[in-house]
Amino acid sequence: MNLRQLEILRAVIRHRTTVAAADELALSQPAVSNALKMMEAQAGFALFERVNNRLFPTAEAMALYKESEAIFALHAKLENRVRDLRENRSGHLSIVATPPLAYSIIPSALSGFLRRRPETRVFFDVRRYEGIIEGVLSRVAELGFALGLTHHPGIAHEVVHTGEMVCVLPPQHPLADRPVISAPDLSGLPFIGLERGTRLGEAVRDSFARAGAPFQPTVEVRYCNTACVLAAAGVGAAVVDPFSPRQNSSSGLVVRPFAPTTHAVAYMLWSEAEPLSRLAKAFLNEVRNESRLLESGMSQAAKRN
């Protein structure tokens, strides 16, 4: 199966009709239909089930779709590089980050970075932790940013920010007036927990265990930002990283220190396989500066509270 066939397969999976896929790819509908027939003949199994004039991908088709993600990410990176060379741009930087950092430190750092380098092109993707490691190791991204880190051969790192998990509550919550929220305080109250098996989710569970408090979430979510949105809507309290509440600052969300202390350390990651580019080094400096500003702002907010 060649790259063009995979591109057609992915377009049909996204749109569920050959007509829409053909429009996206600037092909005729018969050309897309014939390509699907050829792919199924070559593969030896069905790629779609046809129901009411719509195409529903089989499990095998979805497996191919997921496996091809890395191929198309690399292809997009190559196309961007060719464009940069053709247009004599000053450079290209690829960045991946987990949501808490992608929506807090990175945007401000990126704004200042690009303001001084208007000809630079940046690829920026938001991924889970595992995707950050994969992106850096596969060289899809030159820089990765993540909360928490375990040792990975071939990856260099630097701590960009050290903070602590916080408790977020809706404005009218019975604990909203307390200066510090402890794990036992949350016992018996509606609570939004982070997903089991995630790095932050396990850290919060460990904190509850250290405090001798039961961990009994009413709702369990994957991302801290989701927990903040639900807390602001009155679903309950949540313990999240110190970055995510900044995305919901206009919601009236109450943010308090959480006990026992649970560290949330932000890391910058890059591959040891080759030296960092000058652009990457410059962007790391921007992130370091933004981290210092963020730390100063958090300290002032803690004094006001």
C-alpha atoms as a PDB file:
ATOM      1  CA  MET A   1       0.000   0.000   0.000  1.00  0.00           C
ATOM      2  CA  ASN A   2       1.607   3.249  -1.120  1.00  0.00           C
ATOM      3  CA  LEU A   3       1.406   6.710   0.445  1.00  0.00           C
ATOM      4  CA  ARG A   4      -1.306   7.921  -1.945  1.00  0.00           C
ATOM      5  CA  GLN A   5      -3.491   4.913  -1.149  1.00  0.00           C
ATOM      6  CA  LEU A   6      -3.049   5.545   2.573  1.00  0.00           C
ATOM      7  CA  GLU A   7      -4.003   9.196   2.020  1.00  0.00           C
ATOM      8  CA  ILE A   8      -7.215   8.102   0.279  1.00  0.00           C
ATOM      9  CA  LEU A   9      -7.971   5.574   3.029  1.00  0.00           C
ATOM     10  CA  ARG A  10      -7.526   8.219   5.731  1.00  0.00           C
ATOM     11  CA  ALA A  11      -9.728  10.728   3.893  1.00  0.00           C
ATOM     12  CA  VAL A  12     -12.554   8.204   3.514  1.00  0.00           C
ATOM     13  CA  ILE A  13     -12.289   7.257   7.197  1.00  0.00           C
ATOM     14  CA  ARG A  14     -12.547  10.925   8.183  1.00  0.00           C
ATOM     15  CA  HIS A  15     -15.491  11.753   5.906  1.00  0.00           C
ATOM     16  CA  ARG A  16     -17.272   8.350   5.678  1.00  0.00           C
ATOM     17  CA  THR A  17     -18.202   9.000   2.025  1.00  0.00           C
ATOM     18  CA  THR A  18     -16.182   8.738  -1.183  1.00  0.00           C
ATOM     19  CA  VAL A  19     -17.695  11.994  -2.483  1.00  0.00           C
ATOM     20  CA  ALA A  20     -16.403  14.093   0.441  1.00  0.00           C
ATOM     21  CA  ALA A  21     -13.043  12.318   0.361  1.00  0.00           C
ATOM     22  CA  ALA A  22     -12.757  13.008  -3.371  1.00  0.00           C
ATOM     23  CA  ASP A  23     -13.498  16.710  -2.798  1.00  0.00           C
ATOM     24  CA  GLU A  24     -10.761  16.942  -0.158  1.00  0.00           C
ATOM     25  CA  LEU A  25      -8.191  15.205  -2.353  1.00  0.00           C
ATOM     26  CA  ALA A  26      -9.221  16.914  -5.619  1.00  0.00           C
ATOM     27  CA  LEU A  27     -10.017  13.552  -7.211  1.00  0.00           C
ATOM     28  CA  SER A  28     -13.094  12.172  -8.913  1.00  0.00           C
ATOM     29  CA  GLN A  29     -15.472  10.018  -6.880  1.00  0.00           C
ATOM     30  CA  PRO A  30     -14.947   6.999  -9.188  1.00  0.00           C
ATOM     31  CA  ALA A  31     -11.180   7.344  -8.707  1.00  0.00           C
ATOM     32  CA  VAL A  32     -11.600   7.112  -4.928  1.00  0.00           C
ATOM     33  CA  SER A  33     -13.991   4.164  -5.193  1.00  0.00           C
ATOM     34  CA  ASN A  34     -11.621   2.313  -7.527  1.00  0.00           C
ATOM     35  CA  ALA A  35      -8.700   3.008  -5.207  1.00  0.00           C
ATOM     36  CA  LEU A  36     -10.639   1.494  -2.283  1.00  0.00           C
ATOM     37  CA  LYS A  37     -11.427  -1.622  -4.309  1.00  0.00           C
ATOM     38  CA  MET A  38      -7.777  -1.993  -5.257  1.00  0.00           C
ATOM     39  CA  MET A  39      -6.633  -1.539  -1.640  1.00  0.00           C
ATOM     40  CA  GLU A  40      -9.072  -4.177  -0.398  1.00  0.00           C
ATOM     41  CA  ALA A  41      -7.933  -6.563  -3.140  1.00  0.00           C
ATOM     42  CA  GLN A  42      -4.275  -5.988  -2.260  1.00  0.00           C
ATOM     43  CA  ALA A  43      -4.891  -6.269   1.489  1.00  0.00           C
ATOM     44  CA  GLY A  44      -7.050  -9.371   1.234  1.00  0.00           C
ATOM     45  CA  PHE A  45      -9.654  -8.107   3.685  1.00  0.00           C
ATOM     46  CA  ALA A  46     -12.482  -5.560   3.819  1.00  0.00           C
ATOM     47  CA  LEU A  47     -11.619  -2.008   4.834  1.00  0.00           C
ATOM     48  CA  PHE A  48     -15.156  -0.635   5.078  1.00  0.00           C
ATOM     49  CA  GLU A  49     -18.689  -1.757   5.773  1.00  0.00           C
ATOM     50  CA  ARG A  50     -21.285  -0.004   3.649  1.00  0.00           C
ATOM     51  CA  VAL A  51     -24.437   1.041   5.541  1.00  0.00           C
ATOM     52  CA  ASN A  52     -27.038   3.485   4.139  1.00  0.00           C
ATOM     53  CA  ASN A  53     -24.637   4.963   1.581  1.00  0.00           C
ATOM     54  CA  ARG A  54     -22.000   5.604   4.232  1.00  0.00           C
ATOM     55  CA  LEU A  55     -18.710   3.830   4.754  1.00  0.00           C
ATOM     56  CA  PHE A  56     -17.787   2.629   8.221  1.00  0.00           C
ATOM     57  CA  PRO A  57     -14.152   1.559   8.689  1.00  0.00           C
ATOM     58  CA  THR A  58     -13.444  -1.966   9.886  1.00  0.00           C
ATOM     59  CA  ALA A  59     -11.146  -2.643  12.827  1.00  0.00           C
ATOM     60  CA  GLU A  60      -8.397  -3.480  10.332  1.00  0.00           C
ATOM     61  CA  ALA A  61      -8.848  -0.141   8.549  1.00  0.00           C
ATOM     62  CA  MET A  62      -8.644   1.736  11.848  1.00  0.00           C
ATOM     63  CA  ALA A  63      -5.459  -0.155  12.716  1.00  0.00           C
ATOM     64  CA  LEU A  64      -3.923   1.022   9.430  1.00  0.00           C
ATOM     65  CA  TYR A  65      -5.164   4.556  10.116  1.00  0.00           C
ATOM     66  CA  LYS A  66      -3.456   4.658  13.524  1.00  0.00           C
ATOM     67  CA  GLU A  67      -0.237   3.050  12.298  1.00  0.00           C
ATOM     68  CA  SER A  68      -0.001   5.586   9.458  1.00  0.00           C
ATOM     69  CA  GLU A  69      -0.145   8.612  11.801  1.00  0.00           C
ATOM     70  CA  ALA A  70       3.640   8.651  12.253  1.00  0.00           C
ATOM     71  CA  ILE A  71       4.196   8.306   8.491  1.00  0.00           C
ATOM     72  CA  PHE A  72       2.055  11.343   7.697  1.00  0.00           C
ATOM     73  CA  ALA A  73       3.558  13.356  10.549  1.00  0.00           C
ATOM     74  CA  LEU A  74       7.004  12.731   9.082  1.00  0.00           C
ATOM     75  CA  HIS A  75       5.720  13.456   5.576  1.00  0.00           C
ATOM     76  CA  ALA A  76       4.224  16.769   6.740  1.00  0.00           C
ATOM     77  CA  LYS A  77       7.516  17.664   8.403  1.00  0.00           C
ATOM     78  CA  LEU A  78       9.420  16.912   5.179  1.00  0.00           C
ATOM     79  CA  GLU A  79       6.983  18.997   3.108  1.00  0.00           C
ATOM     80  CA  ASN A  80       7.382  21.912   5.533  1.00  0.00           C
ATOM     81  CA  ARG A  81      11.165  21.659   5.300  1.00  0.00           C
ATOM     82  CA  VAL A  82      11.069  21.658   1.494  1.00  0.00           C
ATOM     83  CA  ARG A  83       8.834  24.746   1.595  1.00  0.00           C
ATOM     84  CA  ASP A  84      11.230  26.496   3.975  1.00  0.00           C
ATOM     85  CA  LEU A  85      14.178  25.802   1.677  1.00  0.00           C
ATOM     86  CA  ARG A  86      12.250  26.887  -1.396  1.00  0.00           C
ATOM     87  CA  GLU A  87      11.075  30.145   0.174  1.00  0.00           C
ATOM     88  CA  ASN A  88      14.407  30.898   1.872  1.00  0.00           C
ATOM     89  CA  ARG A  89      12.818  31.061   5.297  1.00  0.00           C
ATOM     90  CA  SER A  90      15.111  31.437   8.270  1.00  0.00           C
ATOM     91  CA  GLY A  91      14.246  28.120   9.864  1.00  0.00           C
ATOM     92  CA  HIS A  92      11.719  25.616  11.132  1.00  0.00           C
ATOM     93  CA  LEU A  93      11.067  24.438  14.678  1.00  0.00           C
ATOM     94  CA  SER A  94       8.887  21.514  15.739  1.00  0.00           C
ATOM     95  CA  ILE A  95       7.444  21.423  19.269  1.00  0.00           C
ATOM     96  CA  VAL A  96       5.197  18.993  21.132  1.00  0.00           C
ATOM     97  CA  ALA A  97       3.755  19.531  24.617  1.00  0.00           C
ATOM     98  CA  THR A  98       1.288  18.025  27.048  1.00  0.00           C
ATOM     99  CA  PRO A  99      -1.920  20.079  27.537  1.00  0.00           C
ATOM    100  CA  PRO A 100      -1.031  21.853  30.835  1.00  0.00           C
ATOM    101  CA  LEU A 101       2.145  23.333  29.337  1.00  0.00           C
ATOM    102  CA  ALA A 102       0.743  23.720  25.837  1.00  0.00           C
ATOM    103  CA  TYR A 103      -1.931  26.075  27.173  1.00  0.00           C
ATOM    104  CA  SER A 104       0.167  27.998  29.725  1.00  0.00           C
ATOM    105  CA  ILE A 105       3.913  28.538  29.270  1.00  0.00           C
ATOM    106  CA  ILE A 106       4.280  27.681  25.583  1.00  0.00           C
ATOM    107  CA  PRO A 107       1.855  30.223  23.976  1.00  0.00           C
ATOM    108  CA  SER A 108       3.446  33.260  25.646  1.00  0.00           C
ATOM    109  CA  ALA A 109       6.956  31.995  24.926  1.00  0.00           C
ATOM    110  CA  LEU A 110       6.012  31.303  21.315  1.00  0.00           C
ATOM    111  CA  SER A 111       4.490  34.744  20.874  1.00  0.00           C
ATOM    112  CA  GLY A 112       7.673  36.546  21.891  1.00  0.00           C
ATOM    113  CA  PHE A 113       9.834  34.099  19.973  1.00  0.00           C
ATOM    114  CA  LEU A 114       7.981  34.600  16.675  1.00  0.00           C
ATOM    115  CA  ARG A 115       7.617  38.348  17.132  1.00  0.00           C
ATOM    116  CA  ARG A 116      11.411  38.575  16.904  1.00  0.00           C
ATOM    117  CA  ARG A 117      11.637  35.965  14.132  1.00  0.00           C
ATOM    118  CA  PRO A 118       8.737  36.638  11.729  1.00  0.00           C
ATOM    119  CA  GLU A 119      10.210  34.362   9.031  1.00  0.00           C
ATOM    120  CA  THR A 120      10.423  31.310  11.278  1.00  0.00           C
ATOM    121  CA  ARG A 121       7.868  28.539  10.836  1.00  0.00           C
ATOM    122  CA  VAL A 122       6.753  26.447  13.819  1.00  0.00           C
ATOM    123  CA  PHE A 123       4.986  23.108  14.052  1.00  0.00           C
ATOM    124  CA  PHE A 124       3.238  22.799  17.430  1.00  0.00           C
ATOM    125  CA  ASP A 125       1.277  19.756  18.524  1.00  0.00           C
ATOM    126  CA  VAL A 126      -0.478  18.900  21.802  1.00  0.00           C
ATOM    127  CA  ARG A 127      -0.123  15.283  22.915  1.00  0.00           C
ATOM    128  CA  ARG A 128      -0.262  12.975  25.905  1.00  0.00           C
ATOM    129  CA  TYR A 129       2.983  12.178  27.719  1.00  0.00           C
ATOM    130  CA  GLU A 130       3.639   9.028  25.687  1.00  0.00           C
ATOM    131  CA  GLY A 131       3.232  11.026  22.491  1.00  0.00           C
ATOM    132  CA  ILE A 132       5.806  13.561  23.678  1.00  0.00           C
ATOM    133  CA  ILE A 133       8.405  10.849  24.247  1.00  0.00           C
ATOM    134  CA  GLU A 134       7.632   9.214  20.904  1.00  0.00           C
ATOM    135  CA  GLY A 135       7.729  12.542  19.071  1.00  0.00           C
ATOM    136  CA  VAL A 136      11.146  13.478  20.457  1.00  0.00           C
ATOM    137  CA  LEU A 137      12.684  10.027  19.957  1.00  0.00           C
ATOM    138  CA  SER A 138      11.356   9.750  16.382  1.00  0.00           C
ATOM    139  CA  ARG A 139      12.594  13.308  15.673  1.00  0.00           C
ATOM    140  CA  VAL A 140       9.138  14.414  14.565  1.00  0.00           C
ATOM    141  CA  ALA A 141       9.677  17.171  17.138  1.00  0.00           C
ATOM    142  CA  GLU A 142      12.955  18.780  18.146  1.00  0.00           C
ATOM    143  CA  LEU A 143      11.599  19.892  21.532  1.00  0.00           C
ATOM    144  CA  GLY A 144       9.103  18.319  23.896  1.00  0.00           C
ATOM    145  CA  PHE A 145       7.500  19.694  27.053  1.00  0.00           C
ATOM    146  CA  ALA A 146       5.842  17.522  29.691  1.00  0.00           C
ATOM    147  CA  LEU A 147       4.875  17.347  33.340  1.00  0.00           C
ATOM    148  CA  GLY A 148       6.816  14.620  35.126  1.00  0.00           C
ATOM    149  CA  LEU A 149       9.498  12.433  33.614  1.00  0.00           C
ATOM    150  CA  THR A 150      10.923   8.966  33.950  1.00  0.00           C
ATOM    151  CA  HIS A 151      14.283   7.993  32.489  1.00  0.00           C
ATOM    152  CA  HIS A 152      14.243   7.411  28.750  1.00  0.00           C
ATOM    153  CA  PRO A 153      17.501   6.444  26.998  1.00  0.00           C
ATOM    154  CA  GLY A 154      18.376   8.923  24.291  1.00  0.00           C
ATOM    155  CA  ILE A 155      16.432  11.853  25.765  1.00  0.00           C
ATOM    156  CA  ALA A 156      18.071  14.840  27.437  1.00  0.00           C
ATOM    157  CA  HIS A 157      16.040  17.061  29.742  1.00  0.00           C
ATOM    158  CA  GLU A 158      15.985  20.210  31.812  1.00  0.00           C
ATOM    159  CA  VAL A 159      13.585  21.283  34.544  1.00  0.00           C
ATOM    160  CA  VAL A 160      11.753  24.365  33.343  1.00  0.00           C
ATOM    161  CA  HIS A 161       9.385  24.861  36.272  1.00  0.00           C
ATOM    162  CA  THR A 162       8.779  23.286  39.667  1.00  0.00           C
ATOM    163  CA  GLY A 163       5.333  23.782  41.125  1.00  0.00           C
ATOM    164  CA  GLU A 164       2.785  22.041  43.312  1.00  0.00           C
ATOM    165  CA  MET A 165      -0.607  20.560  42.613  1.00  0.00           C
ATOM    166  CA  VAL A 166      -3.519  22.762  43.666  1.00  0.00           C
ATOM    167  CA  CYS A 167      -7.146  22.266  44.591  1.00  0.00           C
ATOM    168  CA  VAL A 168      -9.778  23.945  42.419  1.00  0.00           C
ATOM    169  CA  LEU A 169     -13.337  24.512  43.592  1.00  0.00           C
ATOM    170  CA  PRO A 170     -16.519  26.200  42.357  1.00  0.00           C
ATOM    171  CA  PRO A 171     -17.073  29.661  43.889  1.00  0.00           C
ATOM    172  CA  GLN A 172     -19.842  28.546  46.290  1.00  0.00           C
ATOM    173  CA  HIS A 173     -18.087  25.388  47.492  1.00  0.00           C
ATOM    174  CA  PRO A 174     -18.209  24.832  51.300  1.00  0.00           C
ATOM    175  CA  LEU A 175     -14.394  24.668  51.401  1.00  0.00           C
ATOM    176  CA  ALA A 176     -13.830  27.789  49.275  1.00  0.00           C
ATOM    177  CA  ASP A 177     -12.977  29.992  52.274  1.00  0.00           C
ATOM    178  CA  ARG A 178     -10.217  27.732  53.565  1.00  0.00           C
ATOM    179  CA  PRO A 179      -6.640  28.903  52.869  1.00  0.00           C
ATOM    180  CA  VAL A 180      -5.417  25.330  52.252  1.00  0.00           C
ATOM    181  CA  ILE A 181      -7.381  22.247  51.202  1.00  0.00           C
ATOM    182  CA  SER A 182      -6.194  18.861  52.459  1.00  0.00           C
ATOM    183  CA  ALA A 183      -7.015  15.417  51.136  1.00  0.00           C
ATOM    184  CA  PRO A 184      -9.118  14.550  54.227  1.00  0.00           C
ATOM    185  CA  ASP A 185     -11.102  17.795  53.734  1.00  0.00           C
ATOM    186  CA  LEU A 186     -12.375  16.409  50.422  1.00  0.00           C
ATOM    187  CA  SER A 187     -13.616  13.148  51.890  1.00  0.00           C
ATOM    188  CA  GLY A 188     -17.359  12.666  51.398  1.00  0.00           C
ATOM    189  CA  LEU A 189     -17.677  15.627  49.011  1.00  0.00           C
ATOM    190  CA  PRO A 190     -18.220  15.518  45.230  1.00  0.00           C
ATOM    191  CA  PHE A 191     -14.755  15.099  43.731  1.00  0.00           C
ATOM    192  CA  ILE A 192     -13.339  15.080  40.198  1.00  0.00           C
ATOM    193  CA  GLY A 193     -10.425  12.652  39.949  1.00  0.00           C
ATOM    194  CA  LEU A 194      -7.726  12.288  37.315  1.00  0.00           C
ATOM    195  CA  GLU A 195      -7.638   9.065  35.330  1.00  0.00           C
ATOM    196  CA  ARG A 196      -5.959   6.034  36.910  1.00  0.00           C
ATOM    197  CA  GLY A 197      -2.687   5.118  35.237  1.00  0.00           C
ATOM    198  CA  THR A 198      -1.795   8.679  34.221  1.00  0.00           C
ATOM    199  CA  ARG A 199       1.215  10.306  35.841  1.00  0.00           C
ATOM    200  CA  LEU A 200      -0.753  13.055  37.597  1.00  0.00           C
ATOM    201  CA  GLY A 201      -3.621  10.715  38.416  1.00  0.00           C
ATOM    202  CA  GLU A 202      -1.291   8.351  40.236  1.00  0.00           C
ATOM    203  CA  ALA A 203       0.430  11.262  42.003  1.00  0.00           C
ATOM    204  CA  VAL A 204      -2.905  12.498  43.395  1.00  0.00           C
ATOM    205  CA  ARG A 205      -3.901   8.980  44.480  1.00  0.00           C
ATOM    206  CA  ASP A 206      -0.556   8.639  46.260  1.00  0.00           C
ATOM    207  CA  SER A 207      -1.138  11.965  48.056  1.00  0.00           C
ATOM    208  CA  PHE A 208      -4.524  10.800  49.319  1.00  0.00           C
ATOM    209  CA  ALA A 209      -2.958   7.535  50.480  1.00  0.00           C
ATOM    210  CA  ARG A 210      -0.186   9.403  52.327  1.00  0.00           C
ATOM    211  CA  ALA A 211      -2.836  11.496  54.074  1.00  0.00           C
ATOM    212  CA  GLY A 212      -4.864   8.406  54.984  1.00  0.00           C
ATOM    213  CA  ALA A 213      -7.857   9.763  53.058  1.00  0.00           C
ATOM    214  CA  PRO A 214     -10.074   7.671  50.770  1.00  0.00           C
ATOM    215  CA  PHE A 215      -9.841   8.487  47.071  1.00  0.00           C
ATOM    216  CA  GLN A 216     -13.433   8.302  45.823  1.00  0.00           C
ATOM    217  CA  PRO A 217     -13.994  10.435  42.710  1.00  0.00           C
ATOM    218  CA  THR A 218     -17.529  11.159  41.590  1.00  0.00           C
ATOM    219  CA  VAL A 219     -16.240  11.800  38.077  1.00  0.00           C
ATOM    220  CA  GLU A 220     -12.946  10.634  36.570  1.00  0.00           C
ATOM    221  CA  VAL A 221     -11.311  12.551  33.696  1.00  0.00           C
ATOM    222  CA  ARG A 222      -8.106  12.330  31.674  1.00  0.00           C
ATOM    223  CA  TYR A 223      -7.045  15.964  31.568  1.00  0.00           C
ATOM    224  CA  CYS A 224      -6.628  18.600  34.271  1.00  0.00           C
ATOM    225  CA  ASN A 225      -8.263  21.223  32.063  1.00  0.00           C
ATOM    226  CA  THR A 226     -11.389  19.062  31.884  1.00  0.00           C
ATOM    227  CA  ALA A 227     -11.376  18.820  35.679  1.00  0.00           C
ATOM    228  CA  CYS A 228     -11.157  22.629  35.931  1.00  0.00           C
ATOM    229  CA  VAL A 229     -14.077  23.123  33.551  1.00  0.00           C
ATOM    230  CA  LEU A 230     -16.213  20.683  35.548  1.00  0.00           C
ATOM    231  CA  ALA A 231     -15.197  22.273  38.851  1.00  0.00           C
ATOM    232  CA  ALA A 232     -16.141  25.732  37.552  1.00  0.00           C
ATOM    233  CA  ALA A 233     -19.534  24.314  36.541  1.00  0.00           C
ATOM    234  CA  GLY A 234     -20.158  23.159  40.117  1.00  0.00           C
ATOM    235  CA  VAL A 235     -19.575  19.421  39.641  1.00  0.00           C
ATOM    236  CA  GLY A 236     -17.140  19.284  42.557  1.00  0.00           C
ATOM    237  CA  ALA A 237     -13.582  19.935  43.666  1.00  0.00           C
ATOM    238  CA  ALA A 238     -10.476  18.648  41.891  1.00  0.00           C
ATOM    239  CA  VAL A 239      -6.730  18.445  42.441  1.00  0.00           C
ATOM    240  CA  VAL A 240      -4.858  19.562  39.319  1.00  0.00           C
ATOM    241  CA  ASP A 241      -1.510  20.870  38.128  1.00  0.00           C
ATOM    242  CA  PRO A 242      -0.782  24.566  38.826  1.00  0.00           C
ATOM    243  CA  PHE A 243      -0.930  25.508  35.124  1.00  0.00           C
ATOM    244  CA  SER A 244      -4.401  24.355  34.069  1.00  0.00           C
ATOM    245  CA  PRO A 245      -6.420  26.768  36.292  1.00  0.00           C
ATOM    246  CA  ARG A 246      -4.905  29.653  34.317  1.00  0.00           C
ATOM    247  CA  GLN A 247      -6.921  28.529  31.295  1.00  0.00           C
ATOM    248  CA  ASN A 248     -10.131  29.004  33.297  1.00  0.00           C
ATOM    249  CA  SER A 249      -9.266  32.257  35.077  1.00  0.00           C
ATOM    250  CA  SER A 250     -12.444  33.975  33.863  1.00  0.00           C
ATOM    251  CA  SER A 251     -14.744  31.272  35.254  1.00  0.00           C
ATOM    252  CA  GLY A 252     -14.531  32.362  38.900  1.00  0.00           C
ATOM    253  CA  LEU A 253     -12.727  29.144  39.769  1.00  0.00           C
ATOM    254  CA  VAL A 254     -11.317  29.144  43.329  1.00  0.00           C
ATOM    255  CA  VAL A 255      -7.713  27.911  43.510  1.00  0.00           C
ATOM    256  CA  ARG A 256      -6.160  26.851  46.816  1.00  0.00           C
ATOM    257  CA  PRO A 257      -2.918  25.109  47.865  1.00  0.00           C
ATOM    258  CA  PHE A 258      -3.327  21.355  48.328  1.00  0.00           C
ATOM    259  CA  ALA A 259      -1.937  19.243  51.152  1.00  0.00           C
ATOM    260  CA  PRO A 260      -0.015  17.025  51.341  1.00  0.00           C
ATOM    261  CA  THR A 261       2.408  18.760  48.988  1.00  0.00           C
ATOM    262  CA  THR A 262       2.371  17.072  45.590  1.00  0.00           C
ATOM    263  CA  HIS A 263       5.045  18.269  43.200  1.00  0.00           C
ATOM    264  CA  ALA A 264       4.332  19.012  39.547  1.00  0.00           C
ATOM    265  CA  VAL A 265       7.600  19.403  37.674  1.00  0.00           C
ATOM    266  CA  ALA A 266       7.684  20.654  34.086  1.00  0.00           C
ATOM    267  CA  TYR A 267      10.470  19.407  31.822  1.00  0.00           C
ATOM    268  CA  MET A 268      11.931  20.412  28.477  1.00  0.00           C
ATOM    269  CA  LEU A 269      13.020  17.373  26.444  1.00  0.00           C
ATOM    270  CA  TRP A 270      15.153  16.848  23.352  1.00  0.00           C
ATOM    271  CA  SER A 271      17.000  14.034  21.616  1.00  0.00           C
ATOM    272  CA  GLU A 272      20.611  13.305  22.539  1.00  0.00           C
ATOM    273  CA  ALA A 273      21.207  12.002  19.009  1.00  0.00           C
ATOM    274  CA  GLU A 274      22.135  15.411  17.587  1.00  0.00           C
ATOM    275  CA  PRO A 275      22.880  18.951  18.818  1.00  0.00           C
ATOM    276  CA  LEU A 276      20.013  21.374  19.228  1.00  0.00           C
ATOM    277  CA  SER A 277      19.518  23.900  16.467  1.00  0.00           C
ATOM    278  CA  ARG A 278      20.069  27.582  17.139  1.00  0.00           C
ATOM    279  CA  LEU A 279      16.316  28.118  16.863  1.00  0.00           C
ATOM    280  CA  ALA A 280      15.622  25.435  19.475  1.00  0.00           C
ATOM    281  CA  LYS A 281      18.160  26.950  21.876  1.00  0.00           C
ATOM    282  CA  ALA A 282      16.607  30.373  21.394  1.00  0.00           C
ATOM    283  CA  PHE A 283      13.139  29.009  22.089  1.00  0.00           C
ATOM    284  CA  LEU A 284      14.357  27.257  25.253  1.00  0.00           C
ATOM    285  CA  ASN A 285      15.577  30.642  26.492  1.00  0.00           C
ATOM    286  CA  GLU A 286      12.127  32.097  25.815  1.00  0.00           C
ATOM    287  CA  VAL A 287      10.539  29.276  27.824  1.00  0.00           C
ATOM    288  CA  ARG A 288      12.973  29.804  30.712  1.00  0.00           C
ATOM    289  CA  ASN A 289      12.066  33.503  30.814  1.00  0.00           C
ATOM    290  CA  GLU A 290       8.345  32.736  30.658  1.00  0.00           C
ATOM    291  CA  SER A 291       8.739  30.220  33.484  1.00  0.00           C
ATOM    292  CA  ARG A 292      10.318  32.871  35.705  1.00  0.00           C
ATOM    293  CA  LEU A 293       7.447  35.266  34.958  1.00  0.00           C
ATOM    294  CA  LEU A 294       4.919  32.516  35.667  1.00  0.00           C
ATOM    295  CA  GLU A 295       6.571  31.646  38.965  1.00  0.00           C
ATOM    296  CA  SER A 296       6.520  35.310  39.979  1.00  0.00           C
ATOM    297  CA  GLY A 297       2.836  35.592  39.080  1.00  0.00           C
ATOM    298  CA  MET A 298       1.948  32.458  41.045  1.00  0.00           C
ATOM    299  CA  SER A 299       3.803  33.773  44.097  1.00  0.00           C
ATOM    300  CA  GLN A 300       1.914  37.076  43.977  1.00  0.00           C
ATOM    301  CA  ALA A 301      -1.404  35.243  43.580  1.00  0.00           C
ATOM    302  CA  ALA A 302      -0.623  33.038  46.584  1.00  0.00           C
ATOM    303  CA  LYS A 303       0.085  36.158  48.692  1.00  0.00           C
ATOM    304  CA  ARG A 304      -3.253  37.711  47.669  1.00  0.00           C
ATOM    305  CA  ASN A 305      -5.096  34.512  48.640  1.00  0.00           C
END
